[in-house]
C-alpha atoms as a PDB file:
ATOM      1  CA  MET A   1      37.806 -30.754 -52.879  1.00  0.00           C
ATOM      2  CA  GLN A   2      35.391 -28.153 -54.180  1.00  0.00           C
ATOM      3  CA  GLU A   3      34.325 -25.225 -52.010  1.00  0.00           C
ATOM      4  CA  GLN A   4      31.562 -23.651 -54.107  1.00  0.00           C
ATOM      5  CA  ASN A   5      28.072 -23.032 -52.820  1.00  0.00           C
ATOM      6  CA  TYR A   6      26.149 -25.591 -54.812  1.00  0.00           C
ATOM      7  CA  SER A   7      24.842 -29.080 -54.402  1.00  0.00           C
ATOM      8  CA  ILE A   8      27.277 -31.942 -53.994  1.00  0.00           C
ATOM      9  CA  LYS A   9      25.300 -33.669 -56.772  1.00  0.00           C
ATOM     10  CA  GLN A  10      26.860 -31.138 -59.149  1.00  0.00           C
ATOM     11  CA  TRP A  11      30.405 -32.073 -58.078  1.00  0.00           C
ATOM     12  CA  ALA A  12      32.540 -34.457 -60.085  1.00  0.00           C
ATOM     13  CA  LYS A  13      31.721 -38.010 -59.015  1.00  0.00           C
ATOM     14  CA  ASP A  14      35.246 -38.568 -57.674  1.00  0.00           C
ATOM     15  CA  ASP A  15      34.832 -35.600 -55.308  1.00  0.00           C
ATOM     16  CA  ARG A  16      31.497 -36.623 -53.798  1.00  0.00           C
ATOM     17  CA  PRO A  17      31.920 -37.994 -50.243  1.00  0.00           C
ATOM     18  CA  ARG A  18      29.659 -41.046 -50.620  1.00  0.00           C
ATOM     19  CA  GLU A  19      31.165 -42.112 -53.907  1.00  0.00           C
ATOM     20  CA  LYS A  20      34.678 -41.490 -52.636  1.00  0.00           C
ATOM     21  CA  LEU A  21      33.994 -43.721 -49.630  1.00  0.00           C
ATOM     22  CA  ARG A  22      32.456 -46.424 -51.797  1.00  0.00           C
ATOM     23  CA  TYR A  23      35.297 -46.594 -54.303  1.00  0.00           C
ATOM     24  CA  LYS A  24      38.352 -45.512 -52.314  1.00  0.00           C
ATOM     25  CA  GLY A  25      37.483 -46.386 -48.702  1.00  0.00           C
ATOM     26  CA  SER A  26      36.768 -44.309 -45.621  1.00  0.00           C
ATOM     27  CA  GLU A  27      40.454 -43.653 -44.932  1.00  0.00           C
ATOM     28  CA  HIS A  28      40.537 -41.399 -48.017  1.00  0.00           C
ATOM     29  CA  LEU A  29      37.930 -38.974 -46.674  1.00  0.00           C
ATOM     30  CA  SER A  30      38.525 -35.950 -44.491  1.00  0.00           C
ATOM     31  CA  ASP A  31      36.685 -35.550 -41.192  1.00  0.00           C
ATOM     32  CA  SER A  32      34.385 -33.000 -42.831  1.00  0.00           C
ATOM     33  CA  GLU A  33      33.555 -35.387 -45.676  1.00  0.00           C
ATOM     34  CA  LEU A  34      32.744 -38.210 -43.245  1.00  0.00           C
ATOM     35  CA  LEU A  35      30.599 -35.854 -41.186  1.00  0.00           C
ATOM     36  CA  ALA A  36      28.874 -34.631 -44.371  1.00  0.00           C
ATOM     37  CA  ILE A  37      27.765 -38.205 -45.077  1.00  0.00           C
ATOM     38  CA  LEU A  38      26.041 -38.253 -41.681  1.00  0.00           C
ATOM     39  CA  ILE A  39      24.493 -34.829 -42.293  1.00  0.00           C
ATOM     40  CA  ARG A  40      23.175 -36.168 -45.629  1.00  0.00           C
ATOM     41  CA  ASN A  41      22.168 -32.861 -47.224  1.00  0.00           C
ATOM     42  CA  GLY A  42      22.898 -29.193 -46.957  1.00  0.00           C
ATOM     43  CA  THR A  43      20.800 -26.084 -47.329  1.00  0.00           C
ATOM     44  CA  HIS A  44      19.993 -24.127 -50.466  1.00  0.00           C
ATOM     45  CA  LYS A  45      23.105 -21.982 -49.891  1.00  0.00           C
ATOM     46  CA  ARG A  46      25.540 -24.472 -48.342  1.00  0.00           C
ATOM     47  CA  SER A  47      26.526 -28.045 -49.070  1.00  0.00           C
ATOM     48  CA  ALA A  48      26.616 -30.775 -46.439  1.00  0.00           C
ATOM     49  CA  VAL A  49      30.422 -30.478 -46.509  1.00  0.00           C
ATOM     50  CA  ASP A  50      30.165 -26.763 -45.705  1.00  0.00           C
ATOM     51  CA  LEU A  51      27.857 -27.546 -42.772  1.00  0.00           C
ATOM     52  CA  ALA A  52      30.238 -30.275 -41.621  1.00  0.00           C
ATOM     53  CA  LYS A  53      33.164 -27.845 -41.636  1.00  0.00           C
ATOM     54  CA  GLU A  54      31.201 -25.440 -39.445  1.00  0.00           C
ATOM     55  CA  VAL A  55      30.208 -28.238 -37.063  1.00  0.00           C
ATOM     56  CA  LEU A  56      33.851 -29.285 -36.809  1.00  0.00           C
ATOM     57  CA  GLY A  57      34.737 -25.662 -36.151  1.00  0.00           C
ATOM     58  CA  ILE A  58      32.576 -25.471 -33.033  1.00  0.00           C
ATOM     59  CA  GLY A  59      34.506 -28.496 -31.803  1.00  0.00           C
ATOM     60  CA  ARG A  60      37.761 -26.694 -32.661  1.00  0.00           C
ATOM     61  CA  ASN A  61      38.410 -29.318 -35.370  1.00  0.00           C
ATOM     62  CA  ASN A  62      38.907 -31.886 -32.628  1.00  0.00           C
ATOM     63  CA  LEU A  63      36.683 -34.969 -32.790  1.00  0.00           C
ATOM     64  CA  ALA A  64      37.140 -35.664 -29.076  1.00  0.00           C
ATOM     65  CA  LEU A  65      35.851 -32.178 -28.215  1.00  0.00           C
ATOM     66  CA  LEU A  66      33.105 -32.452 -30.808  1.00  0.00           C
ATOM     67  CA  GLY A  67      31.919 -35.670 -29.173  1.00  0.00           C
ATOM     68  CA  LYS A  68      31.438 -33.820 -25.871  1.00  0.00           C
ATOM     69  CA  LEU A  69      29.060 -31.248 -27.340  1.00  0.00           C
ATOM     70  CA  SER A  70      25.370 -31.535 -26.601  1.00  0.00           C
ATOM     71  CA  VAL A  71      22.657 -31.867 -29.220  1.00  0.00           C
ATOM     72  CA  LYS A  72      21.644 -28.298 -28.405  1.00  0.00           C
ATOM     73  CA  GLU A  73      25.178 -27.040 -29.019  1.00  0.00           C
ATOM     74  CA  LEU A  74      25.356 -28.850 -32.365  1.00  0.00           C
ATOM     75  CA  MET A  75      22.051 -27.265 -33.353  1.00  0.00           C
ATOM     76  CA  GLN A  76      23.660 -23.813 -33.116  1.00  0.00           C
ATOM     77  CA  VAL A  77      24.915 -24.355 -36.662  1.00  0.00           C
ATOM     78  CA  LYS A  78      22.301 -23.045 -39.073  1.00  0.00           C
ATOM     79  CA  GLY A  79      21.183 -26.036 -41.125  1.00  0.00           C
ATOM     80  CA  ILE A  80      21.746 -28.563 -38.335  1.00  0.00           C
ATOM     81  CA  GLY A  81      18.403 -29.441 -36.820  1.00  0.00           C
ATOM     82  CA  GLU A  82      17.617 -31.829 -34.023  1.00  0.00           C
ATOM     83  CA  ALA A  83      17.653 -34.979 -36.184  1.00  0.00           C
ATOM     84  CA  LYS A  84      21.047 -34.196 -37.719  1.00  0.00           C
ATOM     85  CA  ALA A  85      22.489 -33.193 -34.335  1.00  0.00           C
ATOM     86  CA  ILE A  86      21.276 -36.473 -32.819  1.00  0.00           C
ATOM     87  CA  THR A  87      22.785 -38.440 -35.724  1.00  0.00           C
ATOM     88  CA  ILE A  88      26.158 -36.710 -35.260  1.00  0.00           C
ATOM     89  CA  SER A  89      26.073 -37.216 -31.494  1.00  0.00           C
ATOM     90  CA  ALA A  90      25.189 -40.904 -31.853  1.00  0.00           C
ATOM     91  CA  ALA A  91      27.947 -41.530 -34.408  1.00  0.00           C
ATOM     92  CA  LEU A  92      30.565 -39.860 -32.223  1.00  0.00           C
ATOM     93  CA  GLU A  93      29.422 -41.902 -29.220  1.00  0.00           C
ATOM     94  CA  LEU A  94      29.715 -45.109 -31.243  1.00  0.00           C
ATOM     95  CA  GLY A  95      33.253 -44.092 -32.182  1.00  0.00           C
ATOM     96  CA  ARG A  96      34.081 -43.407 -28.531  1.00  0.00           C
ATOM     97  CA  ARG A  97      32.706 -46.783 -27.442  1.00  0.00           C
ATOM     98  CA  ARG A  98      34.599 -48.553 -30.205  1.00  0.00           C
ATOM     99  CA  GLN A  99      37.836 -46.921 -29.143  1.00  0.00           C
ATOM    100  CA  ALA A 100      37.205 -47.776 -25.481  1.00  0.00           C
ATOM    101  CA  PHE A 101      36.589 -51.411 -26.422  1.00  0.00           C
ATOM    102  CA  ILE A 102      39.755 -51.586 -28.514  1.00  0.00           C
ATOM    103  CA  SER A 103      41.778 -50.101 -25.646  1.00  0.00           C
ATOM    104  CA  LEU A 104      40.364 -52.598 -23.153  1.00  0.00           C
ATOM    105  CA  ASP A 105      40.889 -55.474 -25.535  1.00  0.00           C
ATOM    106  CA  LYS A 106      44.597 -54.734 -25.986  1.00  0.00           C
ATOM    107  CA  PHE A 107      45.483 -54.170 -22.330  1.00  0.00           C
ATOM    108  CA  GLN A 108      45.995 -57.322 -20.295  1.00  0.00           C
ATOM    109  CA  VAL A 109      46.928 -57.289 -16.618  1.00  0.00           C
ATOM    110  CA  LYS A 110      49.159 -60.138 -15.589  1.00  0.00           C
ATOM    111  CA  GLY A 111      50.484 -58.517 -12.452  1.00  0.00           C
ATOM    112  CA  SER A 112      50.995 -55.276 -10.566  1.00  0.00           C
ATOM    113  CA  LYS A 113      53.921 -54.425 -12.844  1.00  0.00           C
ATOM    114  CA  ASP A 114      51.511 -54.245 -15.803  1.00  0.00           C
ATOM    115  CA  ILE A 115      49.282 -51.781 -13.953  1.00  0.00           C
ATOM    116  CA  ALA A 116      52.276 -49.661 -12.964  1.00  0.00           C
ATOM    117  CA  GLN A 117      53.430 -49.513 -16.588  1.00  0.00           C
ATOM    118  CA  TYR A 118      49.948 -48.630 -17.769  1.00  0.00           C
ATOM    119  CA  LEU A 119      49.677 -45.759 -15.315  1.00  0.00           C
END
């Protein structure tokens, strides 16, 4: 992946996050590339991927911790305004809800032994 301070539009098509997702699938993108897609665009000095890396950094590169940050905390990154912070927060909440649903869907209680094993 390229780390230079210029627009993602200038990157090779295979390196651009949106195109990579379209042609290779989401599993081939890093967390920062997925987050960059949500951020949509960077600043005149930093790409959306650069902003995404900084956002991940305030969450200590942990998506679970990042999902607990407030909109105000996300806005501490220069280039992340309220709209982008809300988009990031909403996407992380959707991911959390999806994971909670999957966990509930897989766990079936047939007796007290099942609960004991779960705990």
